[in-house]
Amino acid sequence: MLSRILKAFERAEGPLDLNELSRRLGVERSALDGMLEYLVHKGKLREVVFDAGNCAYCAGRLSCAQLQMGNLVGRAYELVE
């Protein structure tokens, strides 16, 4: 399952939040929580905190459709390069 999670992040064009990752993998959010924390601890993923006021992920944050739709508000994760 951990390799499936990492592959989902490799295919993503940016950070994924718990809801999106749960949908993509067909796994309950509660089941993903511990696995994501493990991957963060191992240095494979990092947590990114978003909100409409302080999102600093990219230069396009002011016109970000993901933020406007509420898709990336709260905890999200991204692959560590």
C-alpha atoms as a PDB file:
ATOM      1  CA  MET A   1       0.000   0.000   0.000  1.00  0.00           C
ATOM      2  CA  LEU A   2       2.865   2.415   0.744  1.00  0.00           C
ATOM      3  CA  SER A   3       4.176   2.006  -2.797  1.00  0.00           C
ATOM      4  CA  ARG A   4       0.687   2.765  -4.181  1.00  0.00           C
ATOM      5  CA  ILE A   5       0.611   5.956  -2.131  1.00  0.00           C
ATOM      6  CA  LEU A   6       4.015   7.038  -3.432  1.00  0.00           C
ATOM      7  CA  LYS A   7       2.990   6.270  -7.032  1.00  0.00           C
ATOM      8  CA  ALA A   8      -0.110   8.450  -6.610  1.00  0.00           C
ATOM      9  CA  PHE A   9       2.130  11.333  -5.573  1.00  0.00           C
ATOM     10  CA  GLU A  10       4.514  10.688  -8.463  1.00  0.00           C
ATOM     11  CA  ARG A  11       1.596  11.013 -10.907  1.00  0.00           C
ATOM     12  CA  ALA A  12       0.122  14.081  -9.220  1.00  0.00           C
ATOM     13  CA  GLU A  13       0.880  17.539 -10.553  1.00  0.00           C
ATOM     14  CA  GLY A  14       1.126  18.981  -7.067  1.00  0.00           C
ATOM     15  CA  PRO A  15       0.208  18.249  -3.480  1.00  0.00           C
ATOM     16  CA  LEU A  16      -2.655  15.896  -2.650  1.00  0.00           C
ATOM     17  CA  ASP A  17      -4.917  16.268   0.316  1.00  0.00           C
ATOM     18  CA  LEU A  18      -6.328  13.366   2.281  1.00  0.00           C
ATOM     19  CA  ASN A  19      -9.705  13.514   0.504  1.00  0.00           C
ATOM     20  CA  GLU A  20      -8.182  13.368  -2.974  1.00  0.00           C
ATOM     21  CA  LEU A  21      -5.740  10.616  -2.085  1.00  0.00           C
ATOM     22  CA  SER A  22      -8.532   8.599  -0.477  1.00  0.00           C
ATOM     23  CA  ARG A  23     -10.622   8.957  -3.628  1.00  0.00           C
ATOM     24  CA  ARG A  24      -7.764   8.010  -5.967  1.00  0.00           C
ATOM     25  CA  LEU A  25      -6.781   4.925  -3.996  1.00  0.00           C
ATOM     26  CA  GLY A  26     -10.215   3.840  -2.815  1.00  0.00           C
ATOM     27  CA  VAL A  27      -9.004   3.761   0.794  1.00  0.00           C
ATOM     28  CA  GLU A  28     -10.607   5.299   3.878  1.00  0.00           C
ATOM     29  CA  ARG A  29      -9.037   8.528   5.098  1.00  0.00           C
ATOM     30  CA  SER A  30      -8.531   7.085   8.561  1.00  0.00           C
ATOM     31  CA  ALA A  31      -6.481   4.229   7.109  1.00  0.00           C
ATOM     32  CA  LEU A  32      -4.292   6.638   5.143  1.00  0.00           C
ATOM     33  CA  ASP A  33      -3.508   8.899   8.079  1.00  0.00           C
ATOM     34  CA  GLY A  34      -0.977   6.612   9.754  1.00  0.00           C
ATOM     35  CA  MET A  35       0.622   5.595   6.472  1.00  0.00           C
ATOM     36  CA  LEU A  36       1.128   9.227   5.461  1.00  0.00           C
ATOM     37  CA  GLU A  37       2.671  10.047   8.827  1.00  0.00           C
ATOM     38  CA  TYR A  38       5.039   7.084   8.402  1.00  0.00           C
ATOM     39  CA  LEU A  39       6.080   8.316   4.936  1.00  0.00           C
ATOM     40  CA  VAL A  40       6.633  11.824   6.330  1.00  0.00           C
ATOM     41  CA  HIS A  41       8.767  10.376   9.129  1.00  0.00           C
ATOM     42  CA  LYS A  42      10.818   8.402   6.571  1.00  0.00           C
ATOM     43  CA  GLY A  43      11.398  11.574   4.513  1.00  0.00           C
ATOM     44  CA  LYS A  44       9.427  10.405   1.454  1.00  0.00           C
ATOM     45  CA  LEU A  45       6.607  12.965   1.827  1.00  0.00           C
ATOM     46  CA  ARG A  46       6.259  16.339   3.487  1.00  0.00           C
ATOM     47  CA  GLU A  47       3.157  17.994   4.851  1.00  0.00           C
ATOM     48  CA  VAL A  48       1.989  21.191   3.201  1.00  0.00           C
ATOM     49  CA  VAL A  49      -0.538  23.410   4.981  1.00  0.00           C
ATOM     50  CA  PHE A  50      -2.808  25.455   2.756  1.00  0.00           C
ATOM     51  CA  ASP A  51      -5.388  28.087   3.292  1.00  0.00           C
ATOM     52  CA  ALA A  52      -6.586  30.777   0.969  1.00  0.00           C
ATOM     53  CA  GLY A  53      -4.721  33.505   2.852  1.00  0.00           C
ATOM     54  CA  ASN A  54      -1.250  32.057   3.147  1.00  0.00           C
ATOM     55  CA  CYS A  55      -0.819  29.449   0.414  1.00  0.00           C
ATOM     56  CA  ALA A  56       2.736  29.769  -0.816  1.00  0.00           C
ATOM     57  CA  TYR A  57       2.972  26.611  -2.902  1.00  0.00           C
ATOM     58  CA  CYS A  58       3.313  28.303  -6.261  1.00  0.00           C
ATOM     59  CA  ALA A  59       3.255  31.695  -7.968  1.00  0.00           C
ATOM     60  CA  GLY A  60      -0.270  31.115  -9.278  1.00  0.00           C
ATOM     61  CA  ARG A  61      -1.880  30.883  -5.875  1.00  0.00           C
ATOM     62  CA  LEU A  62      -4.061  33.964  -6.418  1.00  0.00           C
ATOM     63  CA  SER A  63      -5.826  32.343  -9.373  1.00  0.00           C
ATOM     64  CA  CYS A  64      -5.517  28.737  -8.166  1.00  0.00           C
ATOM     65  CA  ALA A  65      -8.621  26.777  -9.142  1.00  0.00           C
ATOM     66  CA  GLN A  66      -7.822  24.145  -6.504  1.00  0.00           C
ATOM     67  CA  LEU A  67      -7.880  26.707  -3.710  1.00  0.00           C
ATOM     68  CA  GLN A  68     -10.998  28.400  -5.113  1.00  0.00           C
ATOM     69  CA  MET A  69     -12.823  25.070  -5.171  1.00  0.00           C
ATOM     70  CA  GLY A  70     -11.632  24.350  -1.635  1.00  0.00           C
ATOM     71  CA  ASN A  71      -9.696  21.284  -2.715  1.00  0.00           C
ATOM     72  CA  LEU A  72      -6.425  22.206  -1.021  1.00  0.00           C
ATOM     73  CA  VAL A  73      -7.494  23.832   2.196  1.00  0.00           C
ATOM     74  CA  GLY A  74      -6.107  22.089   5.245  1.00  0.00           C
ATOM     75  CA  ARG A  75      -3.496  19.342   5.356  1.00  0.00           C
ATOM     76  CA  ALA A  76      -1.980  18.072   2.153  1.00  0.00           C
ATOM     77  CA  TYR A  77       1.190  16.216   1.285  1.00  0.00           C
ATOM     78  CA  GLU A  78       3.749  16.296  -1.485  1.00  0.00           C
ATOM     79  CA  LEU A  79       6.580  14.067  -2.612  1.00  0.00           C
ATOM     80  CA  VAL A  80      10.034  15.000  -1.358  1.00  0.00           C
ATOM     81  CA  GLU A  81      12.327  15.388  -4.340  1.00  0.00           C
END
